[in-house]
Amino acid sequence: ALDAGADAVYFGLGTFNMRARSGVNFKEEDLPEISRRCKEHGAKAYLALNAIMFEGEMADVEKVILAAKAYVDAVIVADWGVVGLCVKHSIPFHVSTQMSTSNSQAALFLASQGAERVVLARECSLSEVKKIHSVLEGKIELECFVHGAQCVAESGRCFMSHDIFGKSANRGECHQPCRRRFLVKAVDLYEDELGNPVHDSDTAFEVGPHTVMSAKDLCSLSFVDKLMDAGIASFKIEGRARNAEYVKTVTAAYREAVDAVIEGRYTPELIASLEESVDRVFHREFSKGLYFGRPGEDQFTDCQSSRSSYIKRHVGIVEDYFVKAGIVQVTI
């Protein structure tokens, strides 16, 4: 992300964030190195503490905040208890999209509580974003998602994974059952002449392919200029649990798009080129999200796997690299 020109990176630290399932989260001992790399690139470091918190956990959350305070520029929060801890310890905080802020009054209230930035609910249209910004008068910054996977619950609050697997999406453990095919079995298919339900265990309907809840990915490259004009201060790329190639490719595309708008060279040809570049890495079908209207059936995809224009094949494992000789040992 830094090599590709990101102005900021956000990351999880152990638990209490929406990256808990990745299994490769950062640890407290990584904080100095994260801070050093970000400062070296002139970028901000944002700690994600945006899970919901339960009773008995706040002492551990406070320890994380105290450990990170000297190394991060802000904390991303979605829980009022964490807001209170950030205020208590005078650490800047941004309000996560999980708080579903969708109007100017909510944003102004959050500003009055000390929030420096609010990530608006993904349900907000572009015209609504522009209206919200016009009311805020610089009292709080707006951040919006511009690229990546979208949840059927949009700004979160989904309990499907928790109900099926006991793994909460609101704790960063979502198993994404919404992306699957669904088979609906008719328990009470019809009634007999007396009005009693008749059970037919052999009757089932496949809801398919899997368009019901599998949302398309968001791609905003074709209207970056409109997003900037709406007063959005920060563009957020959803890169949770993606590999380095994905992060670098997508970040570089939006870095180029933003710079092109500023420099007056944001053209249809450039947009097409940038869209082609992000098409090369993992993605589902692309859409413009909800920026230009409320969701309809066109917001959902019939493809569960990647639509990347490039297919990668596993050919070997890099076993060793000899620096002085410049030789790589690969097991084919």
C-alpha atoms as a PDB file:
ATOM      1  CA  ALA A   1       0.000   0.000   0.000  1.00  0.00           C
ATOM      2  CA  LEU A   2       2.783   2.406   0.907  1.00  0.00           C
ATOM      3  CA  ASP A   3       4.823   1.600  -2.195  1.00  0.00           C
ATOM      4  CA  ALA A   4       1.720   2.230  -4.312  1.00  0.00           C
ATOM      5  CA  GLY A   5       1.192   5.724  -2.911  1.00  0.00           C
ATOM      6  CA  ALA A   6      -1.304   5.325  -0.075  1.00  0.00           C
ATOM      7  CA  ASP A   7      -1.690   8.376   2.159  1.00  0.00           C
ATOM      8  CA  ALA A   8      -2.647   6.118   5.067  1.00  0.00           C
ATOM      9  CA  VAL A   9      -2.986   2.464   6.002  1.00  0.00           C
ATOM     10  CA  TYR A  10      -5.352   0.914   8.518  1.00  0.00           C
ATOM     11  CA  PHE A  11      -4.547  -2.363  10.235  1.00  0.00           C
ATOM     12  CA  GLY A  12      -5.708  -4.718  12.957  1.00  0.00           C
ATOM     13  CA  LEU A  13      -3.798  -5.576  16.098  1.00  0.00           C
ATOM     14  CA  GLY A  14      -4.662  -9.007  17.442  1.00  0.00           C
ATOM     15  CA  THR A  15      -8.377  -9.183  18.173  1.00  0.00           C
ATOM     16  CA  PHE A  16     -11.082  -6.487  18.548  1.00  0.00           C
ATOM     17  CA  ASN A  17     -11.067  -5.625  14.850  1.00  0.00           C
ATOM     18  CA  MET A  18     -12.738  -6.706  11.613  1.00  0.00           C
ATOM     19  CA  ARG A  19      -9.634  -8.657  10.559  1.00  0.00           C
ATOM     20  CA  ALA A  20      -9.778 -11.273  13.314  1.00  0.00           C
ATOM     21  CA  ARG A  21     -10.362 -14.164  10.904  1.00  0.00           C
ATOM     22  CA  SER A  22      -7.302 -13.459   8.752  1.00  0.00           C
ATOM     23  CA  GLY A  23      -5.047 -15.322  11.177  1.00  0.00           C
ATOM     24  CA  VAL A  24      -2.057 -13.091  10.354  1.00  0.00           C
ATOM     25  CA  ASN A  25      -2.851  -9.979  12.330  1.00  0.00           C
ATOM     26  CA  PHE A  26      -0.150  -7.676  13.657  1.00  0.00           C
ATOM     27  CA  LYS A  27       1.121  -7.852  17.227  1.00  0.00           C
ATOM     28  CA  GLU A  28       2.044  -5.073  19.655  1.00  0.00           C
ATOM     29  CA  GLU A  29       5.740  -5.630  18.992  1.00  0.00           C
ATOM     30  CA  ASP A  30       5.129  -4.745  15.313  1.00  0.00           C
ATOM     31  CA  LEU A  31       3.947  -1.216  16.145  1.00  0.00           C
ATOM     32  CA  PRO A  32       7.369   0.513  16.021  1.00  0.00           C
ATOM     33  CA  GLU A  33       8.099  -0.966  12.594  1.00  0.00           C
ATOM     34  CA  ILE A  34       4.624  -0.080  11.263  1.00  0.00           C
ATOM     35  CA  SER A  35       5.076   3.480  12.497  1.00  0.00           C
ATOM     36  CA  ARG A  36       8.577   3.727  11.031  1.00  0.00           C
ATOM     37  CA  ARG A  37       7.506   2.524   7.593  1.00  0.00           C
ATOM     38  CA  CYS A  38       4.484   4.840   7.477  1.00  0.00           C
ATOM     39  CA  LYS A  39       6.549   7.875   8.522  1.00  0.00           C
ATOM     40  CA  GLU A  40       9.206   6.960   5.980  1.00  0.00           C
ATOM     41  CA  HIS A  41       6.539   7.207   3.270  1.00  0.00           C
ATOM     42  CA  GLY A  42       4.830  10.262   4.748  1.00  0.00           C
ATOM     43  CA  ALA A  43       1.702   8.219   5.464  1.00  0.00           C
ATOM     44  CA  LYS A  44      -0.625   7.957   8.447  1.00  0.00           C
ATOM     45  CA  ALA A  45      -1.107   4.751  10.486  1.00  0.00           C
ATOM     46  CA  TYR A  46      -4.645   3.989  11.652  1.00  0.00           C
ATOM     47  CA  LEU A  47      -5.405   1.242  14.157  1.00  0.00           C
ATOM     48  CA  ALA A  48      -8.692  -0.597  13.599  1.00  0.00           C
ATOM     49  CA  LEU A  49     -10.555  -1.265  16.854  1.00  0.00           C
ATOM     50  CA  ASN A  50     -13.883  -1.464  15.071  1.00  0.00           C
ATOM     51  CA  ALA A  51     -15.474  -4.641  16.429  1.00  0.00           C
ATOM     52  CA  ILE A  52     -18.343  -4.541  18.899  1.00  0.00           C
ATOM     53  CA  MET A  53     -17.092  -4.961  22.472  1.00  0.00           C
ATOM     54  CA  PHE A  54     -18.669  -7.006  25.219  1.00  0.00           C
ATOM     55  CA  GLU A  55     -18.718  -6.573  28.988  1.00  0.00           C
ATOM     56  CA  GLY A  56     -15.445  -7.606  30.542  1.00  0.00           C
ATOM     57  CA  GLU A  57     -13.353  -6.799  27.475  1.00  0.00           C
ATOM     58  CA  MET A  58     -12.794  -3.074  27.890  1.00  0.00           C
ATOM     59  CA  ALA A  59      -9.759  -3.454  30.146  1.00  0.00           C
ATOM     60  CA  ASP A  60      -7.993  -5.399  27.391  1.00  0.00           C
ATOM     61  CA  VAL A  61      -9.120  -2.856  24.773  1.00  0.00           C
ATOM     62  CA  GLU A  62      -7.671  -0.081  26.933  1.00  0.00           C
ATOM     63  CA  LYS A  63      -4.331  -1.911  27.060  1.00  0.00           C
ATOM     64  CA  VAL A  64      -4.275  -2.045  23.246  1.00  0.00           C
ATOM     65  CA  ILE A  65      -5.022   1.683  23.016  1.00  0.00           C
ATOM     66  CA  LEU A  66      -2.277   2.552  25.505  1.00  0.00           C
ATOM     67  CA  ALA A  67       0.228   0.318  23.676  1.00  0.00           C
ATOM     68  CA  ALA A  68      -0.626   1.877  20.304  1.00  0.00           C
ATOM     69  CA  LYS A  69      -0.954   5.528  21.328  1.00  0.00           C
ATOM     70  CA  ALA A  70       2.649   6.485  20.614  1.00  0.00           C
ATOM     71  CA  TYR A  71       2.676   4.797  17.212  1.00  0.00           C
ATOM     72  CA  VAL A  72      -0.633   5.534  15.466  1.00  0.00           C
ATOM     73  CA  ASP A  73      -2.269   8.683  14.150  1.00  0.00           C
ATOM     74  CA  ALA A  74      -5.829   7.628  14.947  1.00  0.00           C
ATOM     75  CA  VAL A  75      -8.017   4.707  15.988  1.00  0.00           C
ATOM     76  CA  ILE A  76     -11.007   3.523  13.930  1.00  0.00           C
ATOM     77  CA  VAL A  77     -13.913   2.760  16.281  1.00  0.00           C
ATOM     78  CA  ALA A  78     -17.440   1.361  16.109  1.00  0.00           C
ATOM     79  CA  ASP A  79     -18.278   1.111  19.797  1.00  0.00           C
ATOM     80  CA  TRP A  80     -19.174   3.925  22.204  1.00  0.00           C
ATOM     81  CA  GLY A  81     -17.059   2.334  24.926  1.00  0.00           C
ATOM     82  CA  VAL A  82     -13.989   2.597  22.704  1.00  0.00           C
ATOM     83  CA  VAL A  83     -14.925   6.210  21.926  1.00  0.00           C
ATOM     84  CA  GLY A  84     -14.874   6.857  25.661  1.00  0.00           C
ATOM     85  CA  LEU A  85     -11.434   5.287  26.023  1.00  0.00           C
ATOM     86  CA  CYS A  86     -10.038   7.344  23.134  1.00  0.00           C
ATOM     87  CA  VAL A  87     -11.360  10.528  24.740  1.00  0.00           C
ATOM     88  CA  LYS A  88      -9.989   9.448  28.122  1.00  0.00           C
ATOM     89  CA  HIS A  89      -6.491   8.929  26.721  1.00  0.00           C
ATOM     90  CA  SER A  90      -6.573  11.840  24.245  1.00  0.00           C
ATOM     91  CA  ILE A  91      -6.038   9.697  21.174  1.00  0.00           C
ATOM     92  CA  PRO A  92      -7.639  10.819  17.856  1.00  0.00           C
ATOM     93  CA  PHE A  93     -10.423   8.576  16.592  1.00  0.00           C
ATOM     94  CA  HIS A  94     -12.390   8.027  13.399  1.00  0.00           C
ATOM     95  CA  VAL A  95     -15.885   6.562  13.389  1.00  0.00           C
ATOM     96  CA  SER A  96     -16.199   3.326  11.399  1.00  0.00           C
ATOM     97  CA  THR A  97     -18.868   2.638   8.785  1.00  0.00           C
ATOM     98  CA  GLN A  98     -20.179   0.019  11.254  1.00  0.00           C
ATOM     99  CA  MET A  99     -21.754   2.908  13.175  1.00  0.00           C
ATOM    100  CA  SER A 100     -24.007   3.517  10.142  1.00  0.00           C
ATOM    101  CA  THR A 101     -23.682   7.317  10.056  1.00  0.00           C
ATOM    102  CA  SER A 102     -25.962   8.388   7.224  1.00  0.00           C
ATOM    103  CA  ASN A 103     -26.896  12.018   7.880  1.00  0.00           C
ATOM    104  CA  SER A 104     -25.302  15.346   8.820  1.00  0.00           C
ATOM    105  CA  GLN A 105     -26.868  15.563  12.284  1.00  0.00           C
ATOM    106  CA  ALA A 106     -25.288  12.260  13.266  1.00  0.00           C
ATOM    107  CA  ALA A 107     -21.938  13.418  11.883  1.00  0.00           C
ATOM    108  CA  LEU A 108     -22.131  16.723  13.782  1.00  0.00           C
ATOM    109  CA  PHE A 109     -22.968  14.893  17.014  1.00  0.00           C
ATOM    110  CA  LEU A 110     -19.960  12.613  16.526  1.00  0.00           C
ATOM    111  CA  ALA A 111     -17.820  15.698  15.936  1.00  0.00           C
ATOM    112  CA  SER A 112     -19.087  17.139  19.233  1.00  0.00           C
ATOM    113  CA  GLN A 113     -17.877  13.944  20.933  1.00  0.00           C
ATOM    114  CA  GLY A 114     -14.379  14.432  19.550  1.00  0.00           C
ATOM    115  CA  ALA A 115     -14.405  12.410  16.314  1.00  0.00           C
ATOM    116  CA  GLU A 116     -12.070  13.834  13.667  1.00  0.00           C
ATOM    117  CA  ARG A 117     -13.494  11.794  10.789  1.00  0.00           C
ATOM    118  CA  VAL A 118     -16.535   9.668  10.047  1.00  0.00           C
ATOM    119  CA  VAL A 119     -16.678   6.854   7.518  1.00  0.00           C
ATOM    120  CA  LEU A 120     -20.189   7.246   6.156  1.00  0.00           C
ATOM    121  CA  ALA A 121     -22.608   4.346   5.867  1.00  0.00           C
ATOM    122  CA  ARG A 122     -22.225   2.606   2.523  1.00  0.00           C
ATOM    123  CA  GLU A 123     -25.934   3.143   1.899  1.00  0.00           C
ATOM    124  CA  CYS A 124     -25.390   6.872   1.265  1.00  0.00           C
ATOM    125  CA  SER A 125     -25.809   8.019  -2.329  1.00  0.00           C
ATOM    126  CA  LEU A 126     -23.389  10.477  -3.888  1.00  0.00           C
ATOM    127  CA  SER A 127     -25.927  13.309  -3.739  1.00  0.00           C
ATOM    128  CA  GLU A 128     -26.499  12.598  -0.031  1.00  0.00           C
ATOM    129  CA  VAL A 129     -22.744  12.623   0.619  1.00  0.00           C
ATOM    130  CA  LYS A 130     -22.529  16.034  -1.035  1.00  0.00           C
ATOM    131  CA  LYS A 131     -25.436  17.401   1.046  1.00  0.00           C
ATOM    132  CA  ILE A 132     -23.915  16.035   4.273  1.00  0.00           C
ATOM    133  CA  HIS A 133     -20.593  17.690   3.474  1.00  0.00           C
ATOM    134  CA  SER A 134     -22.249  21.033   2.784  1.00  0.00           C
ATOM    135  CA  VAL A 135     -23.757  21.064   6.288  1.00  0.00           C
ATOM    136  CA  LEU A 136     -20.636  20.066   8.205  1.00  0.00           C
ATOM    137  CA  GLU A 137     -18.720  23.323   7.561  1.00  0.00           C
ATOM    138  CA  GLY A 138     -15.366  21.632   8.127  1.00  0.00           C
ATOM    139  CA  LYS A 139     -16.257  20.404  11.620  1.00  0.00           C
ATOM    140  CA  ILE A 140     -15.536  16.768  10.747  1.00  0.00           C
ATOM    141  CA  GLU A 141     -13.974  14.996   7.765  1.00  0.00           C
ATOM    142  CA  LEU A 142     -15.842  12.507   5.610  1.00  0.00           C
ATOM    143  CA  GLU A 143     -14.409   9.203   4.468  1.00  0.00           C
ATOM    144  CA  CYS A 144     -16.099   6.798   2.034  1.00  0.00           C
ATOM    145  CA  PHE A 145     -15.398   3.382   0.577  1.00  0.00           C
ATOM    146  CA  VAL A 146     -14.423   3.455  -3.090  1.00  0.00           C
ATOM    147  CA  HIS A 147     -13.375  -0.111  -3.924  1.00  0.00           C
ATOM    148  CA  GLY A 148     -13.677  -3.694  -2.798  1.00  0.00           C
ATOM    149  CA  ALA A 149     -16.094  -6.288  -1.499  1.00  0.00           C
ATOM    150  CA  GLN A 150     -19.536  -5.197  -0.338  1.00  0.00           C
ATOM    151  CA  CYS A 151     -21.578  -6.882   2.368  1.00  0.00           C
ATOM    152  CA  VAL A 152     -25.233  -7.663   1.772  1.00  0.00           C
ATOM    153  CA  ALA A 153     -25.787  -5.816   5.059  1.00  0.00           C
ATOM    154  CA  GLU A 154     -23.763  -2.901   3.570  1.00  0.00           C
ATOM    155  CA  SER A 155     -22.526  -1.134   6.703  1.00  0.00           C
ATOM    156  CA  GLY A 156     -22.446  -4.352   8.681  1.00  0.00           C
ATOM    157  CA  ARG A 157     -24.656  -5.568  11.536  1.00  0.00           C
ATOM    158  CA  CYS A 158     -25.122  -8.966   9.861  1.00  0.00           C
ATOM    159  CA  PHE A 159     -25.787 -11.978  12.106  1.00  0.00           C
ATOM    160  CA  MET A 160     -25.981 -14.731   9.489  1.00  0.00           C
ATOM    161  CA  SER A 161     -22.454 -16.079  10.063  1.00  0.00           C
ATOM    162  CA  HIS A 162     -22.985 -15.941  13.830  1.00  0.00           C
ATOM    163  CA  ASP A 163     -26.261 -17.842  13.584  1.00  0.00           C
ATOM    164  CA  ILE A 164     -24.896 -20.589  11.310  1.00  0.00           C
ATOM    165  CA  PHE A 165     -21.266 -20.973  12.386  1.00  0.00           C
ATOM    166  CA  GLY A 166     -21.070 -19.178  15.731  1.00  0.00           C
ATOM    167  CA  LYS A 167     -18.595 -16.760  14.116  1.00  0.00           C
ATOM    168  CA  SER A 168     -19.677 -13.122  14.297  1.00  0.00           C
ATOM    169  CA  ALA A 169     -19.258 -10.734  11.375  1.00  0.00           C
ATOM    170  CA  ASN A 170     -19.309  -7.946  13.943  1.00  0.00           C
ATOM    171  CA  ARG A 171     -16.191  -9.437  15.517  1.00  0.00           C
ATOM    172  CA  GLY A 172     -14.263  -9.853  12.258  1.00  0.00           C
ATOM    173  CA  GLU A 173     -14.925 -13.590  11.893  1.00  0.00           C
ATOM    174  CA  CYS A 174     -17.476 -13.679   9.063  1.00  0.00           C
ATOM    175  CA  HIS A 175     -17.573 -16.951   7.102  1.00  0.00           C
ATOM    176  CA  GLN A 176     -19.614 -15.289   4.317  1.00  0.00           C
ATOM    177  CA  PRO A 177     -22.545 -17.708   4.040  1.00  0.00           C
ATOM    178  CA  CYS A 178     -24.259 -15.002   1.957  1.00  0.00           C
ATOM    179  CA  ARG A 179     -21.965 -15.904  -0.966  1.00  0.00           C
ATOM    180  CA  ARG A 180     -23.278 -19.481  -1.187  1.00  0.00           C
ATOM    181  CA  ARG A 181     -25.987 -21.247  -3.143  1.00  0.00           C
ATOM    182  CA  PHE A 182     -29.241 -21.725  -1.242  1.00  0.00           C
ATOM    183  CA  LEU A 183     -31.609 -24.682  -1.190  1.00  0.00           C
ATOM    184  CA  VAL A 184     -35.055 -23.913   0.208  1.00  0.00           C
ATOM    185  CA  LYS A 185     -37.002 -26.953   1.392  1.00  0.00           C
ATOM    186  CA  ALA A 186     -40.766 -26.770   1.629  1.00  0.00           C
ATOM    187  CA  VAL A 187     -41.767 -27.982   5.096  1.00  0.00           C
ATOM    188  CA  ASP A 188     -45.500 -27.259   4.793  1.00  0.00           C
ATOM    189  CA  LEU A 189     -46.034 -27.423   1.048  1.00  0.00           C
ATOM    190  CA  TYR A 190     -49.814 -27.356   1.014  1.00  0.00           C
ATOM    191  CA  GLU A 191     -52.918 -28.033   3.120  1.00  0.00           C
ATOM    192  CA  ASP A 192     -55.351 -30.929   2.919  1.00  0.00           C
ATOM    193  CA  GLU A 193     -59.106 -30.496   2.632  1.00  0.00           C
ATOM    194  CA  LEU A 194     -59.362 -29.932   6.396  1.00  0.00           C
ATOM    195  CA  GLY A 195     -56.740 -27.149   6.369  1.00  0.00           C
ATOM    196  CA  ASN A 196     -54.004 -29.268   7.932  1.00  0.00           C
ATOM    197  CA  PRO A 197     -50.435 -28.660   6.629  1.00  0.00           C
ATOM    198  CA  VAL A 198     -49.094 -31.526   4.536  1.00  0.00           C
ATOM    199  CA  HIS A 199     -45.344 -32.151   4.745  1.00  0.00           C
ATOM    200  CA  ASP A 200     -43.440 -33.138   1.605  1.00  0.00           C
ATOM    201  CA  SER A 201     -39.791 -33.783   2.439  1.00  0.00           C
ATOM    202  CA  ASP A 202     -38.850 -34.353  -1.198  1.00  0.00           C
ATOM    203  CA  THR A 203     -39.787 -30.877  -2.376  1.00  0.00           C
ATOM    204  CA  ALA A 204     -37.023 -28.287  -2.540  1.00  0.00           C
ATOM    205  CA  PHE A 205     -36.302 -25.161  -4.541  1.00  0.00           C
ATOM    206  CA  GLU A 206     -32.832 -24.043  -5.481  1.00  0.00           C
ATOM    207  CA  VAL A 207     -32.423 -20.279  -5.187  1.00  0.00           C
ATOM    208  CA  GLY A 208     -29.800 -19.613  -7.693  1.00  0.00           C
ATOM    209  CA  PRO A 209     -27.298 -19.397  -8.877  1.00  0.00           C
ATOM    210  CA  HIS A 210     -26.449 -17.293  -5.799  1.00  0.00           C
ATOM    211  CA  THR A 211     -27.751 -13.891  -6.695  1.00  0.00           C
ATOM    212  CA  VAL A 212     -29.892 -13.452  -3.616  1.00  0.00           C
ATOM    213  CA  MET A 213     -27.329 -12.080  -1.170  1.00  0.00           C
ATOM    214  CA  SER A 214     -23.910 -12.122  -2.882  1.00  0.00           C
ATOM    215  CA  ALA A 215     -23.240  -8.436  -3.537  1.00  0.00           C
ATOM    216  CA  LYS A 216     -21.084  -7.235  -6.416  1.00  0.00           C
ATOM    217  CA  ASP A 217     -17.768  -5.567  -5.666  1.00  0.00           C
ATOM    218  CA  LEU A 218     -17.510  -1.786  -5.686  1.00  0.00           C
ATOM    219  CA  CYS A 219     -15.364   0.007  -8.285  1.00  0.00           C
ATOM    220  CA  SER A 220     -15.405   3.818  -8.334  1.00  0.00           C
ATOM    221  CA  LEU A 221     -12.618   4.554 -10.823  1.00  0.00           C
ATOM    222  CA  SER A 222     -15.041   5.973 -13.393  1.00  0.00           C
ATOM    223  CA  PHE A 223     -16.370   8.672 -11.051  1.00  0.00           C
ATOM    224  CA  VAL A 224     -13.444   9.580  -8.798  1.00  0.00           C
ATOM    225  CA  ASP A 225     -13.857  13.210  -9.875  1.00  0.00           C
ATOM    226  CA  LYS A 226     -17.454  13.239  -8.625  1.00  0.00           C
ATOM    227  CA  LEU A 227     -16.417  11.727  -5.300  1.00  0.00           C
ATOM    228  CA  MET A 228     -13.773  14.414  -4.833  1.00  0.00           C
ATOM    229  CA  ASP A 229     -16.266  17.111  -5.802  1.00  0.00           C
ATOM    230  CA  ALA A 230     -18.688  15.780  -3.153  1.00  0.00           C
ATOM    231  CA  GLY A 231     -16.210  16.778  -0.433  1.00  0.00           C
ATOM    232  CA  ILE A 232     -14.889  13.347   0.569  1.00  0.00           C
ATOM    233  CA  ALA A 233     -11.576  13.815   2.384  1.00  0.00           C
ATOM    234  CA  SER A 234     -10.418  10.195   2.305  1.00  0.00           C
ATOM    235  CA  PHE A 235     -11.004   7.288  -0.072  1.00  0.00           C
ATOM    236  CA  LYS A 236     -11.106   3.897   1.641  1.00  0.00           C
ATOM    237  CA  ILE A 237     -10.099   0.747  -0.223  1.00  0.00           C
ATOM    238  CA  GLU A 238     -11.489  -2.460   1.253  1.00  0.00           C
ATOM    239  CA  GLY A 239      -8.422  -4.710   1.329  1.00  0.00           C
ATOM    240  CA  ARG A 240      -9.178  -6.973   4.262  1.00  0.00           C
ATOM    241  CA  ALA A 241      -7.329 -10.310   4.004  1.00  0.00           C
ATOM    242  CA  ARG A 242      -6.249  -9.573   0.409  1.00  0.00           C
ATOM    243  CA  ASN A 243      -2.741 -10.360  -0.791  1.00  0.00           C
ATOM    244  CA  ALA A 244       0.004  -7.810  -1.437  1.00  0.00           C
ATOM    245  CA  GLU A 245      -0.508  -7.882  -5.212  1.00  0.00           C
ATOM    246  CA  TYR A 246      -4.178  -6.907  -4.834  1.00  0.00           C
ATOM    247  CA  VAL A 247      -3.411  -4.116  -2.368  1.00  0.00           C
ATOM    248  CA  LYS A 248      -0.642  -2.630  -4.482  1.00  0.00           C
ATOM    249  CA  THR A 249      -2.553  -2.850  -7.780  1.00  0.00           C
ATOM    250  CA  VAL A 250      -5.759  -1.289  -6.491  1.00  0.00           C
ATOM    251  CA  THR A 251      -4.018   1.374  -4.396  1.00  0.00           C
ATOM    252  CA  ALA A 252      -1.855   2.410  -7.346  1.00  0.00           C
ATOM    253  CA  ALA A 253      -4.931   2.722  -9.579  1.00  0.00           C
ATOM    254  CA  TYR A 254      -6.719   5.092  -7.198  1.00  0.00           C
ATOM    255  CA  ARG A 255      -3.508   7.039  -6.497  1.00  0.00           C
ATOM    256  CA  GLU A 256      -3.221   7.630 -10.244  1.00  0.00           C
ATOM    257  CA  ALA A 257      -6.909   8.520 -10.597  1.00  0.00           C
ATOM    258  CA  VAL A 258      -6.823  11.081  -7.775  1.00  0.00           C
ATOM    259  CA  ASP A 259      -3.617  12.657  -9.083  1.00  0.00           C
ATOM    260  CA  ALA A 260      -5.069  12.760 -12.601  1.00  0.00           C
ATOM    261  CA  VAL A 261      -8.155  14.669 -11.410  1.00  0.00           C
ATOM    262  CA  ILE A 262      -5.954  17.216  -9.623  1.00  0.00           C
ATOM    263  CA  GLU A 263      -3.666  17.591 -12.624  1.00  0.00           C
ATOM    264  CA  GLY A 264      -6.440  17.805 -15.206  1.00  0.00           C
ATOM    265  CA  ARG A 265      -5.651  14.566 -17.062  1.00  0.00           C
ATOM    266  CA  TYR A 266      -8.530  12.401 -15.852  1.00  0.00           C
ATOM    267  CA  THR A 267      -9.755  11.127 -19.218  1.00  0.00           C
ATOM    268  CA  PRO A 268     -11.926   8.222 -20.435  1.00  0.00           C
ATOM    269  CA  GLU A 269      -8.766   6.618 -21.808  1.00  0.00           C
ATOM    270  CA  LEU A 270      -7.043   6.771 -18.421  1.00  0.00           C
ATOM    271  CA  ILE A 271     -10.144   5.418 -16.666  1.00  0.00           C
ATOM    272  CA  ALA A 272     -10.267   2.461 -19.067  1.00  0.00           C
ATOM    273  CA  SER A 273      -6.588   1.759 -18.449  1.00  0.00           C
ATOM    274  CA  LEU A 274      -7.010   1.852 -14.665  1.00  0.00           C
ATOM    275  CA  GLU A 275     -10.106  -0.359 -14.786  1.00  0.00           C
ATOM    276  CA  GLU A 276      -8.123  -2.845 -16.854  1.00  0.00           C
ATOM    277  CA  SER A 277      -5.386  -2.911 -14.200  1.00  0.00           C
ATOM    278  CA  VAL A 278      -7.767  -3.685 -11.295  1.00  0.00           C
ATOM    279  CA  ASP A 279      -9.449  -6.305 -13.482  1.00  0.00           C
ATOM    280  CA  ARG A 280      -6.220  -8.321 -13.304  1.00  0.00           C
ATOM    281  CA  VAL A 281      -6.507  -9.050  -9.557  1.00  0.00           C
ATOM    282  CA  PHE A 282      -9.202 -10.793  -7.513  1.00  0.00           C
ATOM    283  CA  HIS A 283     -12.694  -9.344  -7.835  1.00  0.00           C
ATOM    284  CA  ARG A 284     -16.295 -10.326  -8.313  1.00  0.00           C
ATOM    285  CA  GLU A 285     -18.467  -8.499 -10.805  1.00  0.00           C
ATOM    286  CA  PHE A 286     -18.013  -4.748 -10.467  1.00  0.00           C
ATOM    287  CA  SER A 287     -20.720  -2.211  -9.713  1.00  0.00           C
ATOM    288  CA  LYS A 288     -20.961   1.432  -8.653  1.00  0.00           C
ATOM    289  CA  GLY A 289     -22.304   0.446  -5.255  1.00  0.00           C
ATOM    290  CA  LEU A 290     -25.155   2.588  -3.975  1.00  0.00           C
ATOM    291  CA  TYR A 291     -23.675   5.934  -5.007  1.00  0.00           C
ATOM    292  CA  PHE A 292     -26.251   6.352  -7.762  1.00  0.00           C
ATOM    293  CA  GLY A 293     -29.295   4.628  -6.277  1.00  0.00           C
ATOM    294  CA  ARG A 294     -30.732   2.214  -3.746  1.00  0.00           C
ATOM    295  CA  PRO A 295     -30.028  -1.502  -4.144  1.00  0.00           C
ATOM    296  CA  GLY A 296     -31.858  -3.623  -6.674  1.00  0.00           C
ATOM    297  CA  GLU A 297     -31.233  -7.016  -8.187  1.00  0.00           C
ATOM    298  CA  ASP A 298     -28.467  -5.544 -10.357  1.00  0.00           C
ATOM    299  CA  GLN A 299     -26.372  -5.108  -7.178  1.00  0.00           C
ATOM    300  CA  PHE A 300     -25.949  -8.862  -6.795  1.00  0.00           C
ATOM    301  CA  THR A 301     -23.734 -11.260  -8.677  1.00  0.00           C
ATOM    302  CA  ASP A 302     -24.231 -14.769 -10.037  1.00  0.00           C
ATOM    303  CA  CYS A 303     -20.503 -15.430  -9.683  1.00  0.00           C
ATOM    304  CA  GLN A 304     -19.011 -16.545  -6.371  1.00  0.00           C
ATOM    305  CA  SER A 305     -15.410 -16.864  -7.531  1.00  0.00           C
ATOM    306  CA  SER A 306     -12.997 -14.286  -8.924  1.00  0.00           C
ATOM    307  CA  ARG A 307     -13.690 -12.561 -12.234  1.00  0.00           C
ATOM    308  CA  SER A 308     -10.029 -11.641 -12.642  1.00  0.00           C
ATOM    309  CA  SER A 309      -8.922 -11.454 -16.284  1.00  0.00           C
ATOM    310  CA  TYR A 310      -5.694 -13.245 -15.302  1.00  0.00           C
ATOM    311  CA  ILE A 311      -5.659 -16.803 -13.969  1.00  0.00           C
ATOM    312  CA  LYS A 312      -2.715 -17.718 -11.744  1.00  0.00           C
ATOM    313  CA  ARG A 313      -1.323 -21.236 -11.585  1.00  0.00           C
ATOM    314  CA  HIS A 314       0.699 -22.598  -8.667  1.00  0.00           C
ATOM    315  CA  VAL A 315       4.027 -23.729 -10.154  1.00  0.00           C
ATOM    316  CA  GLY A 316       6.409 -23.975  -7.227  1.00  0.00           C
ATOM    317  CA  ILE A 317       7.638 -22.895  -3.807  1.00  0.00           C
ATOM    318  CA  VAL A 318      10.520 -20.472  -3.227  1.00  0.00           C
ATOM    319  CA  GLU A 319      12.689 -22.345  -0.744  1.00  0.00           C
ATOM    320  CA  ASP A 320      15.612 -19.937  -0.385  1.00  0.00           C
ATOM    321  CA  TYR A 321      17.201 -16.770  -1.747  1.00  0.00           C
ATOM    322  CA  PHE A 322      20.953 -16.196  -1.753  1.00  0.00           C
ATOM    323  CA  VAL A 323      21.417 -12.422  -1.616  1.00  0.00           C
ATOM    324  CA  LYS A 324      25.055 -12.090  -2.675  1.00  0.00           C
ATOM    325  CA  ALA A 325      24.743 -14.528  -5.561  1.00  0.00           C
ATOM    326  CA  GLY A 326      21.298 -13.298  -6.582  1.00  0.00           C
ATOM    327  CA  ILE A 327      20.109 -16.901  -6.880  1.00  0.00           C
ATOM    328  CA  VAL A 328      16.675 -18.246  -6.003  1.00  0.00           C
ATOM    329  CA  GLN A 329      16.080 -21.888  -5.071  1.00  0.00           C
ATOM    330  CA  VAL A 330      12.647 -23.042  -6.216  1.00  0.00           C
ATOM    331  CA  THR A 331      10.976 -26.422  -5.773  1.00  0.00           C
ATOM    332  CA  ILE A 332       8.853 -27.034  -8.877  1.00  0.00           C
END
